[in-house]
C-alpha atoms as a PDB file:
ATOM      1  CA  MET A   1      10.463   2.727  10.586  1.00  0.00           C
ATOM      2  CA  THR A   2       8.469   3.433   7.491  1.00  0.00           C
ATOM      3  CA  ASP A   3       6.177   0.836   5.969  1.00  0.00           C
ATOM      4  CA  GLU A   4       8.640   0.518   3.088  1.00  0.00           C
ATOM      5  CA  GLN A   5      11.527  -0.220   5.470  1.00  0.00           C
ATOM      6  CA  VAL A   6       9.468  -2.798   7.359  1.00  0.00           C
ATOM      7  CA  GLU A   7       8.533  -4.491   4.088  1.00  0.00           C
ATOM      8  CA  LEU A   8      12.184  -4.564   3.006  1.00  0.00           C
ATOM      9  CA  LEU A   9      13.244  -6.026   6.357  1.00  0.00           C
ATOM     10  CA  GLU A  10      10.582  -8.731   6.059  1.00  0.00           C
ATOM     11  CA  LYS A  11      11.788  -9.651   2.556  1.00  0.00           C
ATOM     12  CA  ILE A  12      15.395  -9.811   3.746  1.00  0.00           C
ATOM     13  CA  THR A  13      14.379 -12.040   6.654  1.00  0.00           C
ATOM     14  CA  GLU A  14      12.447 -14.351   4.314  1.00  0.00           C
ATOM     15  CA  ALA A  15      15.440 -14.623   1.960  1.00  0.00           C
ATOM     16  CA  ILE A  16      17.793 -15.489   4.805  1.00  0.00           C
ATOM     17  CA  GLU A  17      15.411 -18.082   6.237  1.00  0.00           C
ATOM     18  CA  ALA A  18      14.878 -19.632   2.794  1.00  0.00           C
ATOM     19  CA  GLN A  19      18.593 -19.821   2.010  1.00  0.00           C
ATOM     20  CA  PRO A  20      19.321 -23.085   0.262  1.00  0.00           C
ATOM     21  CA  GLU A  21      22.011 -25.371   1.588  1.00  0.00           C
ATOM     22  CA  LYS A  22      25.447 -24.934   0.119  1.00  0.00           C
ATOM     23  CA  PRO A  23      25.595 -27.343  -2.811  1.00  0.00           C
ATOM     24  CA  ASP A  24      28.034 -30.208  -2.584  1.00  0.00           C
ATOM     25  CA  TYR A  25      30.670 -30.146  -5.326  1.00  0.00           C
ATOM     26  CA  HIS A  26      30.751 -33.931  -5.197  1.00  0.00           C
ATOM     27  CA  ASP A  27      27.204 -33.999  -6.565  1.00  0.00           C
ATOM     28  CA  TYR A  28      28.537 -32.389  -9.735  1.00  0.00           C
ATOM     29  CA  GLU A  29      31.785 -34.336  -9.654  1.00  0.00           C
ATOM     30  CA  TYR A  30      29.966 -37.689  -9.448  1.00  0.00           C
ATOM     31  CA  GLY A  31      27.316 -36.786 -12.012  1.00  0.00           C
ATOM     32  CA  LYS A  32      24.361 -36.249  -9.660  1.00  0.00           C
ATOM     33  CA  CYS A  33      23.772 -32.832 -11.246  1.00  0.00           C
ATOM     34  CA  SER A  34      25.020 -30.905 -14.249  1.00  0.00           C
ATOM     35  CA  LYS A  35      27.619 -28.164 -14.019  1.00  0.00           C
ATOM     36  CA  ASP A  36      24.932 -25.561 -14.812  1.00  0.00           C
ATOM     37  CA  GLU A  37      22.717 -26.873 -11.990  1.00  0.00           C
ATOM     38  CA  TYR A  38      25.637 -26.825  -9.548  1.00  0.00           C
ATOM     39  CA  VAL A  39      26.651 -23.283 -10.527  1.00  0.00           C
ATOM     40  CA  ASP A  40      23.044 -22.070 -10.279  1.00  0.00           C
ATOM     41  CA  GLN A  41      22.615 -23.620  -6.816  1.00  0.00           C
ATOM     42  CA  TYR A  42      25.954 -22.235  -5.672  1.00  0.00           C
ATOM     43  CA  ASN A  43      25.168 -18.720  -6.908  1.00  0.00           C
ATOM     44  CA  LYS A  44      21.813 -18.718  -5.090  1.00  0.00           C
ATOM     45  CA  TRP A  45      23.475 -19.898  -1.889  1.00  0.00           C
ATOM     46  CA  ALA A  46      26.383 -17.446  -2.226  1.00  0.00           C
ATOM     47  CA  ALA A  47      24.131 -14.431  -2.813  1.00  0.00           C
ATOM     48  CA  VAL A  48      22.410 -14.888   0.539  1.00  0.00           C
ATOM     49  CA  ASP A  49      25.624 -15.912   2.302  1.00  0.00           C
ATOM     50  CA  ASN A  50      27.436 -12.789   1.079  1.00  0.00           C
ATOM     51  CA  PHE A  51      24.562 -10.612   2.265  1.00  0.00           C
ATOM     52  CA  VAL A  52      24.525 -12.224   5.714  1.00  0.00           C
ATOM     53  CA  THR A  53      28.309 -11.816   5.943  1.00  0.00           C
ATOM     54  CA  ALA A  54      28.005  -8.124   5.054  1.00  0.00           C
ATOM     55  CA  ILE A  55      25.377  -7.618   7.762  1.00  0.00           C
ATOM     56  CA  ASP A  56      27.557  -9.424  10.310  1.00  0.00           C
ATOM     57  CA  GLN A  57      30.552  -7.272   9.353  1.00  0.00           C
ATOM     58  CA  TYR A  58      28.482  -4.091   9.622  1.00  0.00           C
ATOM     59  CA  ILE A  59      27.276  -5.053  13.126  1.00  0.00           C
ATOM     60  CA  PHE A  60      30.807  -6.025  14.169  1.00  0.00           C
ATOM     61  CA  ASN A  61      32.233  -2.693  12.969  1.00  0.00           C
ATOM     62  CA  LYS A  62      29.372  -0.729  14.507  1.00  0.00           C
ATOM     63  CA  ASN A  63      30.001  -2.379  17.881  1.00  0.00           C
ATOM     64  CA  ARG A  64      33.697  -1.493  17.602  1.00  0.00           C
ATOM     65  CA  GLY A  65      32.835   2.112  16.781  1.00  0.00           C
ATOM     66  CA  ILE A  66      34.174   2.013  13.237  1.00  0.00           C
END
């Protein structure tokens, strides 16, 4: 692996480990946070979750020989 690839892998690992918890819609529904705050929290959570899902799918397909 090149130094650049190692650095990228470290950044990906940090992002996954720092993934925020999925926000609770009830917090917005009951006025604990604004809609903008909820959407911002959700988008941050979803970005990492989508990335992790893509990695999982890639590994799954690779193991199946696809």
